[in-house]
Amino acid sequence: MRLSEKEKIVSEVAETARRARGMFFTDFRGLTVQQANELRREFRKSDIDYRVVKNTLIHKALESVTGCDRVIDKLIGPTGIAFAFEDPVSPARIIQKFVDKHKKLSLKVCVLEHEVYEGSKLKELAKFPTREETIAVIMSTIQAPLAGVPNVINAIMRDLVCVISEIEKKKTA
């Protein structure tokens, strides 16, 4: 590989790492070509960029990215990087599902919003809710008190009608 090609890869990885909200560094030893293609397809479906890059090039790229200095010492053996831009935890769910199915992929380390997590935390990270789920919970929490207001107003009106009805019954009796 020429020096210019290496520099291009380093700059691309560094730029992608700066834009990513989540980076998952995997060890893909033992995967067949079919399994690797299956993994890439799953990542593509979720708009996750997955790249296999030499560790020395990753090292050079991550030197210029904040919060990635603790990742560099984990780059041993073949490394694939999953870059998540929208939902930073979605690669964890895909990787966990893939590990459960094939038992061959492993997570070395990941970076979520500039925080570094060990690969052993994969199961915990995979259980995090998606961005959409979190927004839905927050919205329902905000909306719940507002949804009760019409019920309270209707209850007052219903009670008033009942009281008037009872007064009418007493007067007619």
Protein backbone atom coordinates (compact mmCIF):
# COMPACT_ATOMS: atom_id res chain seq x y z
CA MET A 1 0.00 0.00 0.00
CA ARG A 2 1.34 3.41 -0.96
CA LEU A 3 1.93 6.17 1.55
CA SER A 4 -0.73 8.35 -0.08
CA GLU A 5 -3.30 5.54 0.28
CA LYS A 6 -2.39 5.09 3.94
CA GLU A 7 -2.70 8.84 4.58
CA LYS A 8 -6.10 8.85 2.89
CA ILE A 9 -7.30 5.94 5.07
CA VAL A 10 -5.99 7.63 8.23
CA SER A 11 -7.75 10.91 7.41
CA GLU A 12 -11.01 9.09 6.51
CA VAL A 13 -10.99 7.07 9.73
CA ALA A 14 -10.14 10.16 11.82
CA GLU A 15 -12.95 12.18 10.21
CA THR A 16 -15.44 9.33 10.61
CA ALA A 17 -14.40 8.88 14.25
CA ARG A 18 -14.94 12.58 14.95
CA ARG A 19 -18.48 12.45 13.49
CA ALA A 20 -19.42 9.15 15.17
CA ARG A 21 -21.37 9.10 18.43
CA GLY A 22 -20.34 5.49 19.00
CA MET A 23 -17.38 3.36 17.90
CA PHE A 24 -17.18 -0.38 18.47
CA PHE A 25 -13.86 -2.14 17.95
CA THR A 26 -14.34 -5.83 17.16
CA ASP A 27 -12.11 -8.86 16.79
CA PHE A 28 -13.44 -10.80 13.84
CA ARG A 29 -11.06 -13.79 13.93
CA GLY A 30 -12.73 -17.04 12.97
CA LEU A 31 -15.52 -15.49 10.90
CA THR A 32 -16.19 -17.03 7.53
CA VAL A 33 -16.68 -14.79 4.51
CA GLN A 34 -20.42 -15.50 4.62
CA GLN A 35 -20.62 -14.54 8.30
CA ALA A 36 -18.60 -11.36 7.70
CA ASN A 37 -20.93 -10.41 4.85
CA GLU A 38 -23.96 -11.12 7.06
CA LEU A 39 -22.52 -8.84 9.75
CA ARG A 40 -21.84 -6.07 7.23
CA ARG A 41 -25.41 -6.39 5.89
CA GLU A 42 -26.84 -6.01 9.40
CA PHE A 43 -24.71 -2.94 10.00
CA ARG A 44 -25.71 -1.44 6.64
CA LYS A 45 -29.42 -1.90 7.46
CA SER A 46 -28.93 0.31 10.52
CA ASP A 47 -26.78 2.94 8.74
CA ILE A 48 -23.66 1.87 10.59
CA ASP A 49 -20.31 2.20 8.85
CA TYR A 50 -18.16 -0.91 9.41
CA ARG A 51 -14.52 -0.87 8.32
CA VAL A 52 -11.59 -3.21 8.69
CA VAL A 53 -8.38 -1.21 8.98
CA LYS A 54 -4.83 -2.04 10.00
CA ASN A 55 -4.15 -1.30 13.67
CA THR A 56 -1.25 1.02 12.89
CA LEU A 57 -3.50 3.16 10.69
CA ILE A 58 -6.26 3.16 13.32
CA HIS A 59 -3.66 4.20 15.90
CA LYS A 60 -2.56 7.16 13.78
CA ALA A 61 -6.15 8.17 13.06
CA LEU A 62 -7.26 8.02 16.70
CA GLU A 63 -4.33 10.08 17.95
CA SER A 64 -6.13 13.18 16.66
CA VAL A 65 -9.55 12.25 18.09
CA THR A 66 -10.48 13.29 21.62
CA GLY A 67 -11.38 10.55 24.07
CA CYS A 68 -9.78 7.74 22.08
CA ASP A 69 -6.37 7.61 23.73
CA ARG A 70 -7.41 4.73 26.02
CA VAL A 71 -8.53 2.65 23.03
CA ILE A 72 -5.17 2.47 21.32
CA ASP A 73 -3.65 -0.13 23.69
CA LYS A 74 -6.60 -2.49 22.97
CA LEU A 75 -5.81 -2.64 19.24
CA ILE A 76 -4.26 -6.09 19.06
CA GLY A 77 -5.09 -8.59 16.34
CA PRO A 78 -7.52 -8.05 13.47
CA THR A 79 -9.78 -5.08 14.13
CA GLY A 80 -13.05 -3.99 12.59
CA ILE A 81 -14.65 -0.71 13.61
CA ALA A 82 -18.39 -0.04 13.62
CA PHE A 83 -19.17 3.69 13.53
CA ALA A 84 -22.64 4.72 14.76
CA PHE A 85 -23.88 8.20 13.93
CA GLU A 86 -27.57 8.37 14.96
CA ASP A 87 -28.07 5.79 17.71
CA PRO A 88 -24.71 5.27 19.45
CA VAL A 89 -25.73 1.94 21.01
CA SER A 90 -27.26 0.22 17.97
CA PRO A 91 -24.00 -1.56 17.02
CA ALA A 92 -23.97 -3.17 20.48
CA ARG A 93 -27.33 -4.80 19.79
CA ILE A 94 -26.21 -6.03 16.37
CA ILE A 95 -22.90 -7.37 17.71
CA GLN A 96 -24.62 -9.08 20.66
CA LYS A 97 -27.18 -10.70 18.36
CA PHE A 98 -24.36 -11.85 16.07
CA VAL A 99 -22.31 -13.22 19.00
CA ASP A 100 -25.35 -15.12 20.29
CA LYS A 101 -25.85 -16.65 16.85
CA HIS A 102 -22.26 -17.43 15.77
CA LYS A 103 -20.09 -17.19 18.93
CA LYS A 104 -17.13 -15.95 16.86
CA LEU A 105 -17.15 -12.17 17.00
CA SER A 106 -15.91 -10.37 20.09
CA LEU A 107 -15.93 -6.75 21.20
CA LYS A 108 -12.54 -5.39 22.22
CA VAL A 109 -13.60 -1.95 23.39
CA CYS A 110 -16.11 0.74 22.50
CA VAL A 111 -16.39 4.49 22.74
CA LEU A 112 -19.81 6.06 23.37
CA GLU A 113 -20.00 9.84 23.42
CA HIS A 114 -16.27 10.04 24.31
CA GLU A 115 -16.60 7.50 27.15
CA VAL A 116 -14.60 4.27 26.82
CA TYR A 117 -16.18 0.92 27.79
CA GLU A 118 -14.53 -2.47 27.93
CA GLY A 119 -15.71 -5.21 25.59
CA SER A 120 -17.00 -7.21 28.56
CA LYS A 121 -19.82 -4.63 28.92
CA LEU A 122 -21.40 -5.67 25.59
CA LYS A 123 -24.48 -7.33 27.10
CA GLU A 124 -25.19 -4.31 29.27
CA LEU A 125 -24.73 -1.88 26.39
CA ALA A 126 -26.98 -3.97 24.14
CA LYS A 127 -29.80 -3.56 26.69
CA PHE A 128 -29.74 0.24 26.51
CA PRO A 129 -32.91 1.61 24.91
CA THR A 130 -32.73 3.10 21.45
CA ARG A 131 -32.92 6.83 20.96
CA GLU A 132 -36.50 6.53 19.72
CA GLU A 133 -37.49 4.41 22.75
CA THR A 134 -35.97 6.97 25.12
CA ILE A 135 -37.79 9.82 23.40
CA ALA A 136 -41.06 7.86 23.53
CA VAL A 137 -40.68 7.28 27.29
CA ILE A 138 -39.93 10.96 27.91
CA MET A 139 -42.86 12.07 25.76
CA SER A 140 -45.29 9.69 27.48
CA THR A 141 -44.07 10.90 30.86
CA ILE A 142 -44.69 14.50 29.83
CA GLN A 143 -48.01 13.67 28.20
CA ALA A 144 -49.46 11.53 31.03
CA PRO A 145 -50.54 14.43 33.29
CA LEU A 146 -52.02 16.27 30.31
CA ALA A 147 -54.04 13.21 29.31
CA GLY A 148 -55.64 13.17 32.76
CA VAL A 149 -57.03 16.73 32.50
CA PRO A 150 -59.99 15.85 30.21
CA ASN A 151 -60.88 12.95 32.52
CA VAL A 152 -60.97 15.29 35.53
CA ILE A 153 -63.13 17.82 33.67
CA ASN A 154 -65.48 15.07 32.48
CA ALA A 155 -65.71 13.68 36.01
CA ILE A 156 -66.73 17.07 37.40
CA MET A 157 -69.37 17.46 34.71
CA ARG A 158 -70.62 13.89 35.25
CA ASP A 159 -70.83 14.44 39.01
CA LEU A 160 -72.70 17.71 38.50
CA VAL A 161 -75.21 15.98 36.22
CA CYS A 162 -75.66 13.21 38.80
CA VAL A 163 -76.28 15.76 41.60
CA ILE A 164 -78.83 17.67 39.48
CA SER A 165 -80.52 14.39 38.56
CA GLU A 166 -80.78 13.40 42.22
CA ILE A 167 -82.21 16.82 43.17
CA GLU A 168 -84.78 16.47 40.39
CA LYS A 169 -85.76 12.98 41.64
CA LYS A 170 -86.22 14.31 45.20
CA LYS A 171 -88.33 17.26 44.05
CA THR A 172 -90.56 15.04 41.89
CA ALA A 173 -90.94 12.57 44.75
